[in-house]
Every structure is written in structure tokens, then in C-alpha cells.
């Protein structure tokens, strides 16, 4: 299967079980939504997928395009085509967004991208995502608004072109205009070569992205799955309605 396949995944943190048998697939070209309250295990799943050492896999498998990646460090998973957008992106003073993006691209390539080629590509992607060119000369996320930080991550996504993008609460803290801009940016990037797992506890971003499937997580398990109609059910009944 071309995409991400998670089977019977159980994960603990400091001896406490957080994920209790997750089964999930995200094919290239799909948008899959994972919803749930805070504390349901969504971010634990995201960090486990990317290889954060804090999270201990007790059981199960995670495959990317048929290859089990659980034994790989985070940077190798990235090279294989997995991308994680953070809920709270780090700020780095003294490193411009442009320099950071070029270094990130070079870390994933066999040959370094020439400066002029990179600048041309960066300008093209920024124009496609309606991002001010001056953005590139600012220090990475330093002094950025919430919306600017998220647009910065979408720009990284556009340049890296991963096979699977995991977006962990990309909509968190965004006002209506910023939410629409970020959602439209993600929508432009979804293609037959890239699938998206969007993790959220709000329905609003899904009004723009229109997921192919929706899963609801509670207490470290996926308790309900369905199509777009599941989002409407959540809007109507909330998570308590799903539990019942």
C-alpha cells in the first residue's frame, strides 16, 4: 500500500499506557481526520509516528509504503517521506526561514540544491501559498503570530513534498482568516503523491479540507469511524454523544 499503515499500535509513556491498539491507514492522495478531546492520545500518536524517543512502542507496527519504520530515528523517517507539523513550532533566533528551509531540503537530498534553484523554488511556492516574500528573511518563527507560524510549516510542507503529512492541531489558536489561509494551503498541496493525516479536536478546519474519512479517538483508542457525516454528528452531539 502506498501510504501510512498503523496496526495494533500500543504506546506507553513513563510506564503508563497511552495508546491502546490503534489501527489506521492514510493513503497517498487522501485526507484523513483524527478527532478527539484533549488528552485522548492524538498527539501521542503523532509523536510516535515521527519517532520521538519519549514514547515507547509496546506492540504493533507502523509502515510507510510497506516498510516498517519503527526502528528508524526521526530524521530517517523524514527522509523516507514522513512529515510532522507541530502544534507549537519552535522559535530559533539567528536562523532565517530561508536558510532553515534550504538546510532542511539538503538534509533530505543526495545532492545539495543550488542556491539560485532554491531561491526560484522558494519564491514559486510562496506565491502559490500567498505568502509575503519578506517572510523568508525573518528568523524562524521568532515574533511570528500563530497564523504565521502555521503558514511557515505549510511552506515547509510545500518544499519537502512528503509522502504523508501528519498535521498535529494545525488549526490551534488560529483566527478565522488565518484558519482559512492555512486550510487552503494544505488543500492545494494534497495530491496523488501526498496524503494528509490532520489531527484536531475542532470541526471548523474540516469545513475547508473535506476529509475522505474521519476517526474519533477516546482513551487511546479509535472508537468510531466514518465519512464527512461523522463531523456533522460531532457538531450536533459533541463527544459525549459519540460515547453514548
Protein backbone atom coordinates (compact mmCIF):
# COMPACT_ATOMS: atom_id res chain seq x y z
CA UNK A 1 0.00 0.00 0.00
CA UNK A 2 1.27 3.47 -0.87
CA UNK A 3 0.86 5.44 2.30
CA UNK A 4 0.90 5.02 6.06
CA UNK A 5 -0.37 1.87 7.77
CA UNK A 6 -0.65 1.61 11.55
CA UNK A 7 -1.60 -1.75 13.06
CA UNK A 8 -2.42 -2.66 16.67
CA UNK A 9 -0.19 0.15 17.97
CA UNK A 10 0.23 0.28 21.74
CA UNK A 11 2.38 3.03 23.25
CA UNK A 12 3.37 3.94 26.79
CA UNK A 13 4.96 6.98 28.42
CA UNK A 14 6.83 6.54 31.73
CA UNK A 15 5.18 3.17 32.21
CA UNK A 16 1.65 4.42 31.59
CA UNK A 17 -0.20 3.05 28.56
CA UNK A 18 -1.47 5.90 26.34
CA UNK A 19 -2.35 4.22 23.04
CA UNK A 20 -4.31 1.01 23.36
CA UNK A 21 -4.29 -0.65 19.94
CA UNK A 22 -4.55 1.90 17.13
CA UNK A 23 -5.41 0.73 13.60
CA UNK A 24 -5.21 3.47 10.98
CA UNK A 25 -4.38 3.89 7.29
CA UNK A 26 -3.64 7.04 5.31
CA UNK A 27 -3.16 6.50 1.59
CA UNK A 28 -1.33 8.96 -0.64
CA UNK A 29 -3.92 11.31 -2.11
CA UNK A 30 -6.24 11.06 0.92
CA UNK A 31 -7.14 13.48 3.70
CA UNK A 32 -7.86 11.60 6.92
CA UNK A 33 -9.11 13.39 10.04
CA UNK A 34 -8.40 12.16 13.57
CA UNK A 35 -10.56 13.89 16.15
CA UNK A 36 -10.87 13.72 19.90
CA UNK A 37 -10.76 15.66 23.12
CA UNK A 38 -7.54 16.92 24.65
CA UNK A 39 -5.81 14.01 26.36
CA UNK A 40 -7.31 11.35 24.14
CA UNK A 41 -3.90 10.33 22.74
CA UNK A 42 -3.87 12.19 19.40
CA UNK A 43 -0.56 13.99 19.89
CA UNK A 44 0.99 10.86 21.37
CA UNK A 45 0.17 9.11 18.11
CA UNK A 46 1.68 11.95 16.06
CA UNK A 47 4.92 11.96 18.06
CA UNK A 48 5.17 8.18 18.00
CA UNK A 49 4.78 8.14 14.22
CA UNK A 50 7.67 10.59 13.91
CA UNK A 51 9.90 8.67 16.35
CA UNK A 52 10.02 10.82 19.48
CA UNK A 53 12.16 8.85 21.99
CA UNK A 54 9.85 9.70 24.91
CA UNK A 55 7.18 7.36 23.57
CA UNK A 56 7.75 3.61 23.95
CA UNK A 57 6.11 1.30 21.45
CA UNK A 58 4.89 -1.76 23.35
CA UNK A 59 3.24 -3.54 20.45
CA UNK A 60 2.21 -3.10 16.82
CA UNK A 61 3.69 -1.80 13.59
CA UNK A 62 3.93 1.42 11.57
CA UNK A 63 4.63 1.04 7.86
CA UNK A 64 5.33 3.72 5.26
CA UNK A 65 4.85 2.45 1.72
CA UNK A 66 5.12 -1.09 3.03
CA UNK A 67 8.31 -0.57 5.05
CA UNK A 68 8.22 -0.81 8.84
CA UNK A 69 9.76 2.42 10.15
CA UNK A 70 9.54 1.92 13.92
CA UNK A 71 13.24 1.08 14.21
CA UNK A 72 14.28 4.23 12.34
CA UNK A 73 15.26 7.54 14.02
CA UNK A 74 13.15 10.61 13.26
CA UNK A 75 15.47 12.01 10.59
CA UNK A 76 15.40 8.73 8.66
CA UNK A 77 11.60 8.67 8.82
CA UNK A 78 11.65 12.17 7.40
CA UNK A 79 13.90 11.06 4.55
CA UNK A 80 11.51 8.21 3.82
CA UNK A 81 8.74 10.76 3.31
CA UNK A 82 7.04 11.37 6.66
CA UNK A 83 6.36 14.95 7.82
CA UNK A 84 5.10 16.26 11.16
CA UNK A 85 3.69 19.74 11.63
CA UNK A 86 3.90 20.74 15.30
CA UNK A 87 1.12 22.25 17.37
CA UNK A 88 3.65 24.67 18.89
CA UNK A 89 6.53 25.23 16.40
CA UNK A 90 9.88 26.17 17.94
CA UNK A 91 11.37 29.67 17.61
CA UNK A 92 15.01 29.95 16.51
CA UNK A 93 16.65 33.37 16.60
CA UNK A 94 19.54 33.99 14.20
CA UNK A 95 18.36 31.45 11.62
CA UNK A 96 16.26 32.84 8.80
CA UNK A 97 13.32 30.89 7.49
CA UNK A 98 15.00 30.76 4.08
CA UNK A 99 18.24 29.28 5.46
CA UNK A 100 16.33 26.81 7.59
CA UNK A 101 14.26 25.61 4.64
CA UNK A 102 17.30 25.17 2.39
CA UNK A 103 19.16 23.23 5.13
CA UNK A 104 16.10 21.03 5.63
CA UNK A 105 15.82 20.29 1.91
CA UNK A 106 19.54 19.49 1.65
CA UNK A 107 19.31 17.09 4.60
CA UNK A 108 16.80 15.02 2.63
CA UNK A 109 18.60 15.09 -0.72
CA UNK A 110 21.57 13.17 -2.09
CA UNK A 111 22.89 16.34 -3.73
CA UNK A 112 22.53 19.84 -2.32
CA UNK A 113 20.13 22.13 -4.13
CA UNK A 114 21.95 25.06 -5.83
CA UNK A 115 21.22 28.44 -4.22
CA UNK A 116 19.63 30.01 -7.32
CA UNK A 117 17.45 26.96 -7.90
CA UNK A 118 16.34 27.04 -4.27
CA UNK A 119 15.52 30.77 -4.35
CA UNK A 120 13.45 30.30 -7.51
CA UNK A 121 11.58 27.36 -5.99
CA UNK A 122 11.01 29.19 -2.70
CA UNK A 123 9.56 32.24 -4.47
CA UNK A 124 7.30 29.98 -6.53
CA UNK A 125 5.94 28.12 -3.51
CA UNK A 126 5.44 31.33 -1.51
CA UNK A 127 3.47 32.84 -4.40
CA UNK A 128 1.31 29.71 -4.68
CA UNK A 129 0.54 29.90 -0.95
CA UNK A 130 0.03 33.71 -0.97
CA UNK A 131 2.93 34.27 1.46
CA UNK A 132 4.74 37.63 1.50
CA UNK A 133 8.30 37.17 0.08
CA UNK A 134 9.70 39.20 3.03
CA UNK A 135 8.66 36.30 5.24
CA UNK A 136 11.71 34.32 4.08
CA UNK A 137 14.23 36.74 5.62
CA UNK A 138 12.71 36.65 9.11
CA UNK A 139 14.13 34.47 11.90
CA UNK A 140 12.40 31.12 12.15
CA UNK A 141 9.09 31.63 13.97
CA UNK A 142 10.62 34.44 16.08
CA UNK A 143 7.96 37.07 16.70
CA UNK A 144 5.56 35.22 14.40
CA UNK A 145 1.84 35.28 15.10
CA UNK A 146 0.06 31.95 15.47
CA UNK A 147 -1.12 32.13 11.88
CA UNK A 148 2.36 33.00 10.60
CA UNK A 149 3.89 30.02 12.41
CA UNK A 150 1.38 27.70 10.81
CA UNK A 151 1.92 29.21 7.36
CA UNK A 152 5.65 28.68 7.89
CA UNK A 153 5.02 24.98 8.45
CA UNK A 154 2.78 24.73 5.39
CA UNK A 155 5.60 26.31 3.37
CA UNK A 156 7.97 23.62 4.71
CA UNK A 157 5.40 21.03 3.65
CA UNK A 158 5.22 22.51 0.14
CA UNK A 159 9.01 22.41 -0.31
CA UNK A 160 9.65 18.98 1.20
CA UNK A 161 6.76 17.25 -0.62
CA UNK A 162 6.47 14.26 1.76
CA UNK A 163 4.52 11.12 1.03
CA UNK A 164 2.49 11.52 4.23
CA UNK A 165 2.00 14.72 6.24
CA UNK A 166 0.84 14.49 9.86
CA UNK A 167 -0.61 17.84 10.92
CA UNK A 168 -0.97 17.97 14.70
CA UNK A 169 -3.60 20.59 15.60
CA UNK A 170 -2.52 22.93 12.82
CA UNK A 171 -5.74 24.88 13.43
CA UNK A 172 -4.96 25.53 17.12
CA UNK A 173 -5.06 29.22 18.07
CA UNK A 174 -5.91 30.50 14.58
CA UNK A 175 -8.46 33.20 13.87
CA UNK A 176 -10.97 32.69 11.05
CA UNK A 177 -8.86 34.34 8.34
CA UNK A 178 -5.65 32.50 9.30
CA UNK A 179 -7.54 29.21 9.52
CA UNK A 180 -8.92 29.64 6.01
CA UNK A 181 -5.48 30.55 4.61
CA UNK A 182 -3.79 27.54 6.23
CA UNK A 183 -6.58 25.15 5.20
CA UNK A 184 -6.49 26.35 1.61
CA UNK A 185 -2.70 25.94 1.60
CA UNK A 186 -2.97 22.33 2.75
CA UNK A 187 -5.72 21.65 0.24
CA UNK A 188 -3.51 22.88 -2.63
CA UNK A 189 -0.73 20.51 -1.60
CA UNK A 190 -2.75 17.28 -1.36
CA UNK A 191 -2.00 15.20 -4.45
CA UNK A 192 -1.84 11.56 -5.58
CA UNK A 193 1.74 11.60 -4.22
CA UNK A 194 0.89 13.05 -0.79
CA UNK A 195 -1.66 12.09 1.84
CA UNK A 196 -2.57 14.05 4.97
CA UNK A 197 -3.50 12.96 8.49
CA UNK A 198 -4.97 16.01 10.19
CA UNK A 199 -5.29 15.79 13.97
CA UNK A 200 -7.77 18.16 15.60
CA UNK A 201 -10.47 18.49 18.20
CA UNK A 202 -12.34 21.19 16.25
CA UNK A 203 -14.63 20.70 13.28
CA UNK A 204 -14.04 24.09 11.64
CA UNK A 205 -10.90 23.26 9.59
CA UNK A 206 -12.66 20.21 8.17
CA UNK A 207 -15.24 22.50 6.59
CA UNK A 208 -12.45 23.57 4.24
CA UNK A 209 -10.46 20.35 3.82
CA UNK A 210 -13.34 17.86 3.34
CA UNK A 211 -11.74 14.65 4.71
CA UNK A 212 -12.16 11.31 2.97
CA UNK A 213 -12.54 9.56 6.33
CA UNK A 214 -12.95 10.65 9.93
CA UNK A 215 -11.87 8.77 13.06
CA UNK A 216 -12.74 9.65 16.64
CA UNK A 217 -10.24 8.79 19.38
CA UNK A 218 -11.02 8.37 23.07
CA UNK A 219 -8.79 6.97 25.81
CA UNK A 220 -6.13 5.88 23.34
CA UNK A 221 -8.49 4.01 21.03
CA UNK A 222 -10.37 4.81 17.84
CA UNK A 223 -13.97 4.38 18.93
CA UNK A 224 -15.81 5.46 15.80
CA UNK A 225 -15.02 5.90 12.11
CA UNK A 226 -16.99 7.24 9.20
CA UNK A 227 -17.23 9.79 6.43
CA UNK A 228 -17.94 13.52 6.47
CA UNK A 229 -21.26 12.82 8.15
CA UNK A 230 -19.37 11.95 11.34
CA UNK A 231 -18.15 15.56 11.57
CA UNK A 232 -21.75 16.77 11.40
CA UNK A 233 -22.71 14.28 14.10
CA UNK A 234 -19.96 15.66 16.34
CA UNK A 235 -21.14 19.21 15.70
CA UNK A 236 -24.64 18.18 16.73
CA UNK A 237 -24.00 15.84 19.67
CA UNK A 238 -20.40 16.51 20.76
CA UNK A 239 -18.04 13.82 22.01
CA UNK A 240 -20.44 12.82 24.78
CA UNK A 241 -22.97 11.90 22.09
CA UNK A 242 -20.40 9.71 20.38
CA UNK A 243 -19.63 7.91 23.66
CA UNK A 244 -23.29 7.06 24.10
